Protein backbone atom coordinates (compact mmCIF):
# COMPACT_ATOMS: atom_id res chain seq x y z
CA MET A 1 0.03 -0.09 0.02
CA THR A 2 1.38 3.42 -0.90
CA ASP A 3 2.35 5.45 2.02
CA TRP A 4 0.66 8.84 1.48
CA ARG A 5 1.43 10.42 4.61
CA PRO A 6 3.78 13.36 5.18
CA ALA A 7 7.24 12.66 6.58
CA ALA A 8 7.16 15.80 8.85
CA THR A 9 4.97 15.93 11.92
CA PRO A 10 2.52 18.68 12.50
CA GLU A 11 4.64 20.04 15.13
CA VAL A 12 7.61 20.43 12.69
CA LEU A 13 5.32 21.99 10.03
CA GLN A 14 4.31 24.51 12.59
CA ARG A 15 7.95 25.13 13.57
CA ARG A 16 8.76 25.76 9.80
CA ALA A 17 5.86 28.30 9.61
CA ARG A 18 7.21 30.06 12.64
CA MET A 19 10.57 30.20 11.40
CA LEU A 20 9.55 31.57 8.09
CA ALA A 21 7.66 34.24 9.78
CA ASP A 22 10.65 35.12 12.08
CA ILE A 23 12.90 35.38 9.00
CA ARG A 24 10.54 37.82 7.34
CA ALA A 25 10.09 39.77 10.59
CA PHE A 26 13.89 39.97 10.93
CA PHE A 27 14.41 41.45 7.45
CA ALA A 28 11.38 43.71 7.67
CA ALA A 29 12.89 45.32 10.77
CA ARG A 30 16.11 46.09 8.68
CA HIS A 31 14.10 47.34 5.61
CA VAL A 32 15.31 44.42 3.44
CA LEU A 33 12.87 43.87 0.61
CA GLU A 34 11.60 40.41 -0.11
CA VAL A 35 11.55 39.57 -3.84
CA HIS A 36 10.63 36.61 -6.07
CA THR A 37 12.66 35.41 -9.06
CA PRO A 38 11.91 32.65 -11.64
CA VAL A 39 12.67 29.05 -10.82
CA LEU A 40 13.22 28.27 -14.46
CA SER A 41 16.00 29.78 -16.45
CA ALA A 42 17.30 29.40 -19.99
CA ARG A 43 20.90 29.29 -18.42
CA GLY A 44 22.22 27.24 -15.61
CA ASN A 45 25.09 27.35 -13.17
CA PRO A 46 28.44 26.11 -14.75
CA ASP A 47 29.91 25.24 -11.27
CA ALA A 48 31.54 21.84 -11.87
CA ALA A 49 30.66 20.80 -8.39
CA ILE A 50 26.84 21.26 -9.05
CA ASP A 51 24.67 19.44 -11.38
CA SER A 52 21.60 21.23 -12.50
CA LEU A 53 18.22 19.70 -13.20
CA HIS A 54 16.73 20.64 -16.55
CA CYS A 55 13.44 20.15 -18.46
CA GLU A 56 12.36 20.77 -22.04
CA VAL A 57 9.77 23.46 -22.36
CA ARG A 58 7.62 24.16 -25.42
CA VAL A 59 7.72 27.88 -25.99
CA PRO A 60 5.25 29.58 -28.36
CA GLY A 61 7.22 31.06 -31.37
CA VAL A 62 10.17 28.70 -30.78
CA ALA A 63 10.40 25.87 -33.32
CA ALA A 64 11.84 23.18 -31.10
CA GLU A 65 11.58 22.46 -27.43
CA ALA A 66 13.94 24.61 -25.43
CA ARG A 67 16.10 23.45 -22.58
CA TYR A 68 15.46 25.32 -19.27
CA TYR A 69 17.21 24.76 -16.08
CA LEU A 70 15.78 24.63 -12.47
CA HIS A 71 17.75 27.06 -10.65
CA THR A 72 20.38 25.82 -8.07
CA SER A 73 20.33 29.25 -6.37
CA PRO A 74 18.45 32.54 -7.13
CA GLU A 75 21.78 34.43 -7.21
CA PHE A 76 22.10 35.37 -10.83
CA ALA A 77 18.59 36.81 -11.01
CA MET A 78 18.86 38.66 -7.65
CA LYS A 79 21.97 40.34 -8.80
CA ARG A 80 20.26 41.42 -11.83
CA LEU A 81 17.76 43.17 -9.46
CA LEU A 82 20.63 44.64 -7.41
CA ALA A 83 22.18 45.99 -10.60
CA ALA A 84 18.73 47.58 -11.50
CA GLY A 85 18.61 49.42 -8.25
CA SER A 86 16.52 47.20 -5.98
CA GLY A 87 18.32 47.86 -2.83
CA ASP A 88 18.84 45.36 0.03
CA ILE A 89 16.76 42.20 -1.04
CA TYR A 90 16.08 38.61 0.31
CA GLN A 91 14.33 35.64 -1.17
CA ILE A 92 13.06 32.25 0.24
CA CYS A 93 12.60 29.65 -2.37
CA PRO A 94 12.96 26.19 -3.48
CA VAL A 95 16.20 25.26 -5.28
CA PHE A 96 17.17 22.07 -7.20
CA ARG A 97 20.45 20.12 -7.49
CA ASP A 98 20.75 16.80 -9.27
CA GLY A 99 22.62 13.92 -7.63
CA GLU A 100 22.29 15.24 -4.09
CA ALA A 101 20.54 12.83 -1.62
CA GLY A 102 21.42 11.86 1.80
CA ARG A 103 21.22 12.81 5.43
CA TYR A 104 21.82 16.59 4.75
CA HIS A 105 20.87 16.55 1.12
CA SER A 106 17.77 16.65 -1.14
CA PRO A 107 17.49 17.12 -4.80
CA GLU A 108 14.89 19.90 -3.89
CA PHE A 109 15.46 22.13 -0.79
CA THR A 110 14.65 25.52 0.59
CA LEU A 111 17.21 28.25 0.41
CA LEU A 112 17.13 31.78 2.10
CA GLU A 113 19.36 34.09 0.16
CA TRP A 114 20.02 37.85 0.88
CA TYR A 115 22.23 40.78 -0.28
CA ARG A 116 23.26 43.73 1.69
CA LEU A 117 24.52 46.95 -0.14
CA GLY A 118 27.74 48.39 1.52
CA PHE A 119 28.43 45.25 3.59
CA ASP A 120 31.58 43.09 3.19
CA TYR A 121 31.71 39.41 4.24
CA GLN A 122 32.97 40.28 7.77
CA ARG A 123 29.94 42.47 8.49
CA LEU A 124 27.61 39.98 6.71
CA MET A 125 28.94 37.32 9.20
CA ASP A 126 27.65 39.63 12.06
CA GLU A 127 24.18 39.74 10.49
CA VAL A 128 24.07 35.85 9.82
CA ALA A 129 24.88 35.18 13.56
CA ALA A 130 22.08 37.59 14.69
CA LEU A 131 19.58 35.80 12.41
CA LEU A 132 20.52 32.39 13.61
CA ARG A 133 20.40 33.32 17.30
CA ARG A 134 16.94 34.70 16.75
CA LEU A 135 15.58 31.61 14.82
CA LEU A 136 17.34 29.05 17.18
CA GLY A 137 16.39 30.93 20.41
CA ALA A 138 19.77 30.65 21.90
CA GLN A 139 22.63 32.77 22.53
CA LEU A 140 25.06 30.62 20.88
CA PRO A 141 28.81 31.58 21.18
CA GLU A 142 30.73 32.28 17.88
CA ARG A 143 34.27 31.30 16.68
CA ARG A 144 35.74 32.60 13.52
CA LEU A 145 39.01 31.19 11.91
CA ALA A 146 40.65 31.46 8.57
CA TYR A 147 40.53 28.47 6.31
CA ARG A 148 44.37 28.15 6.45
CA ASP A 149 44.16 28.24 10.38
CA ALA A 150 41.59 25.49 10.50
CA PHE A 151 43.93 23.23 8.54
CA LEU A 152 46.96 24.15 10.79
CA GLU A 153 44.84 23.60 14.01
CA TYR A 154 43.06 20.51 13.09
CA LEU A 155 45.53 18.79 10.82
CA GLY A 156 48.76 20.46 11.56
CA VAL A 157 49.53 21.31 7.90
CA ASP A 158 49.38 24.40 5.78
CA PRO A 159 47.14 23.66 2.92
CA ALA A 160 48.89 26.07 0.56
CA ARG A 161 52.01 23.94 0.73
CA LEU A 162 50.51 20.63 -0.25
CA ASP A 163 50.16 19.11 -3.69
CA VAL A 164 47.68 16.53 -4.78
CA ALA A 165 50.00 13.69 -3.82
CA ALA A 166 50.48 15.09 -0.28
CA LEU A 167 46.80 15.73 0.28
CA ARG A 168 45.96 12.02 -0.74
CA ARG A 169 48.72 10.83 1.69
CA LEU A 170 47.22 12.96 4.44
CA ALA A 171 43.74 11.83 3.87
CA SER A 172 45.05 8.13 4.03
CA ASP A 173 46.91 8.83 7.13
CA ARG A 174 43.81 10.23 8.71
CA GLY A 175 41.81 6.96 8.09
CA LEU A 176 40.05 7.84 4.96
CA ASP A 177 39.64 5.17 2.29
CA VAL A 178 41.16 6.93 -0.81
CA SER A 179 41.59 3.69 -2.96
CA GLY A 180 40.42 4.45 -6.56
CA LEU A 181 39.88 8.16 -5.80
CA GLU A 182 41.01 10.46 -8.53
CA LEU A 183 40.44 14.09 -7.28
CA ASP A 184 41.72 17.57 -8.22
CA ARG A 185 43.43 19.71 -5.59
CA ASP A 186 40.31 21.36 -4.39
CA ALA A 187 38.38 18.20 -4.12
CA TRP A 188 41.01 16.79 -1.83
CA LEU A 189 40.90 19.95 0.16
CA ASN A 190 37.05 19.67 0.57
CA LEU A 191 37.32 15.98 1.40
CA LEU A 192 39.78 16.84 4.30
CA MET A 193 37.58 19.82 5.33
CA SER A 194 34.36 17.87 5.48
CA HIS A 195 35.77 14.54 6.93
CA CYS A 196 38.68 15.58 9.17
CA ILE A 197 37.97 19.22 10.14
CA GLU A 198 34.43 19.93 10.49
CA PRO A 199 33.79 17.03 12.80
CA GLY A 200 36.21 18.76 15.33
CA PHE A 201 34.43 21.93 15.54
CA PRO A 202 33.01 22.80 19.01
CA ARG A 203 29.46 21.88 19.60
CA GLU A 204 26.66 24.64 20.12
CA THR A 205 28.79 27.10 18.49
CA LEU A 206 28.52 29.17 15.36
CA VAL A 207 31.76 28.35 13.49
CA PHE A 208 32.57 30.71 10.70
CA VAL A 209 35.47 29.51 8.44
CA HIS A 210 36.60 32.46 6.26
CA ASP A 211 39.13 33.51 3.69
CA TRP A 212 39.11 30.55 1.45
CA PRO A 213 41.52 29.69 -1.38
CA ALA A 214 41.31 31.78 -4.47
CA SER A 215 40.60 28.39 -6.39
CA GLN A 216 37.42 28.21 -4.37
CA ALA A 217 36.28 31.75 -4.73
CA SER A 218 33.31 30.92 -6.90
CA LEU A 219 31.51 34.24 -7.15
CA ALA A 220 33.58 35.84 -4.34
CA ARG A 221 35.76 38.97 -4.51
CA LEU A 222 39.51 38.27 -3.73
CA SER A 223 41.15 40.13 -0.92
CA ALA A 224 44.64 41.91 -1.07
CA ASP A 225 46.38 38.72 0.05
CA GLY A 226 44.81 36.67 -2.80
CA SER A 227 42.42 34.68 -0.69
CA ALA A 228 38.66 34.74 -1.47
CA GLU A 229 36.33 36.99 0.71
CA ARG A 230 34.18 34.12 1.39
CA PHE A 231 32.81 32.24 4.46
CA GLU A 232 31.01 29.09 5.43
CA LEU A 233 29.19 28.61 8.75
CA TYR A 234 28.89 25.42 10.56
CA LEU A 235 26.68 24.39 13.60
CA ASN A 236 27.03 20.88 15.38
CA GLY A 237 28.71 19.50 12.30
CA VAL A 238 26.29 20.80 9.63
CA GLU A 239 27.23 23.39 6.96
CA LEU A 240 24.49 26.06 7.08
CA ALA A 241 25.56 29.15 5.18
CA ASN A 242 27.86 30.14 2.30
CA GLY A 243 28.58 33.92 1.90
CA PHE A 244 30.83 36.34 -0.04
CA SER A 245 31.85 39.82 -0.66
CA GLU A 246 30.51 39.80 -4.20
CA LEU A 247 32.72 39.92 -7.22
CA ARG A 248 31.78 42.87 -9.55
CA ASP A 249 34.32 42.46 -12.27
CA VAL A 250 32.54 41.15 -15.31
CA ASP A 251 35.59 40.05 -17.07
CA GLU A 252 36.87 38.04 -14.07
CA GLN A 253 33.40 36.56 -13.67
CA ARG A 254 33.38 35.45 -17.32
CA ARG A 255 36.90 33.97 -16.93
CA ARG A 256 35.81 31.90 -13.94
CA PHE A 257 32.76 30.76 -15.60
CA GLU A 258 34.71 29.64 -18.69
CA GLN A 259 37.15 27.66 -16.42
CA ASP A 260 34.20 25.91 -14.67
CA ASN A 261 33.01 24.71 -18.17
CA GLN A 262 36.52 23.62 -19.10
CA ARG A 263 36.45 21.51 -15.86
CA ARG A 264 33.07 20.09 -16.81
CA ARG A 265 34.22 19.29 -20.25
CA ALA A 266 37.36 17.45 -18.88
CA SER A 267 35.24 15.39 -16.59
CA GLY A 268 32.47 14.51 -19.08
CA GLN A 269 29.84 16.79 -17.61
CA PRO A 270 27.68 18.68 -19.86
CA VAL A 271 28.84 22.38 -20.69
CA ILE A 272 26.37 24.81 -19.38
CA PRO A 273 25.62 27.97 -21.46
CA LEU A 274 26.60 31.16 -19.68
CA ASP A 275 24.05 33.41 -18.28
CA GLU A 276 24.65 36.43 -20.56
CA ALA A 277 21.95 38.46 -18.76
CA PHE A 278 23.60 38.18 -15.57
CA LEU A 279 27.08 39.03 -17.02
CA ALA A 280 25.41 42.16 -18.70
CA ALA A 281 24.01 43.06 -15.39
CA LEU A 282 27.57 43.09 -13.77
CA GLU A 283 28.93 45.13 -16.78
CA ALA A 284 26.10 47.61 -16.11
CA GLY A 285 27.27 47.85 -12.58
CA LEU A 286 26.65 45.62 -9.48
CA PRO A 287 26.70 47.81 -6.30
CA GLU A 288 29.34 47.07 -3.61
CA CYS A 289 27.63 44.39 -1.60
CA ALA A 290 27.89 40.94 0.25
CA GLY A 291 25.44 38.13 -0.26
CA VAL A 292 24.76 34.88 1.61
CA ALA A 293 22.69 31.70 1.05
CA VAL A 294 21.27 29.67 4.30
CA GLY A 295 19.76 26.17 4.04
CA VAL A 296 16.40 26.63 5.71
CA ASP A 297 15.70 22.86 5.92
CA ARG A 298 19.05 22.03 7.61
CA LEU A 299 18.43 24.98 10.08
CA LEU A 300 15.02 23.57 10.90
CA MET A 301 16.43 20.04 11.36
CA LEU A 302 18.79 21.45 13.95
CA ALA A 303 16.04 23.43 15.60
CA THR A 304 13.86 20.36 15.93
CA HIS A 305 16.68 18.13 16.79
CA GLY A 306 15.97 15.87 13.69
CA GLU A 307 18.34 13.18 12.53
CA HIS A 308 17.80 13.39 8.84
CA LEU A 309 16.52 16.03 6.27
CA HIS A 310 13.60 13.84 5.63
CA ASP A 311 12.35 14.66 9.24
CA VAL A 312 11.58 18.19 8.25
CA LEU A 313 10.21 17.77 4.79
CA SER A 314 6.61 17.26 4.05
CA PHE A 315 7.19 15.01 1.17
CA PRO A 316 10.80 14.03 0.50
CA ILE A 317 11.54 13.24 -2.99
CA ALA A 318 14.46 10.94 -2.28
């Protein structure tokens, strides 16, 4: 017999509703505008670490079916709004990523994303911490450490000095099964971060890891020392947020996108057409700003002491 019942309990559904109301009240008090952008886009995200879901859409006036992508983040569209003069904005929306399923992952999940004019990533960390303390109802302590310092403290190595072979040996020495793994340098770094560093972070503490390697800058601005003005936030072993001082240089952004597609081509992944409307918005002028994305479902899972993301989803897909 087909199980039609929701996975989340009524109490969890009520807690989600309160959390969404609290998010909206938080931003209303700061005069940040809620916006809505399309879920479907004619262009996707070329990031080689992310696989987009797509569909074929019959559009009147177009001879053949057109491929559209379900957005992996509302970032590109929101930055077009910023370039058009929207001011500070936020959005709560479903996003989609193929191949993601597990305790902390789902092909469809809810994202909170916001952008603050005149902020840098350091100031944005302050606001992220304030929001989470409000949503979780606790005065959680906070720790900030640079990416390099995290490796030095937890693994005793400077990541900038290690090549692929050394990173593989380090992962093996730390008990990870690396047999058959053929990863690039950033993938080895990510493996060590997720399996050997994050589990050691203090519990019940907002841990911000900032100043990431330039090779992992994504859409972040680089600082004077060459590191990315980027942060990730962790709580109780769960990554909750990813934020940047936003890159505003259209030529650099195009170069990064093209590099992403080169990586996709090399690994056999489909090449993603670049979002020329987003790049045109950058060329027109993105205001100085910082932005961040927070996983709402993961946050709700922590707030309700759930063990699996399915515990907080009404009808999990996978």
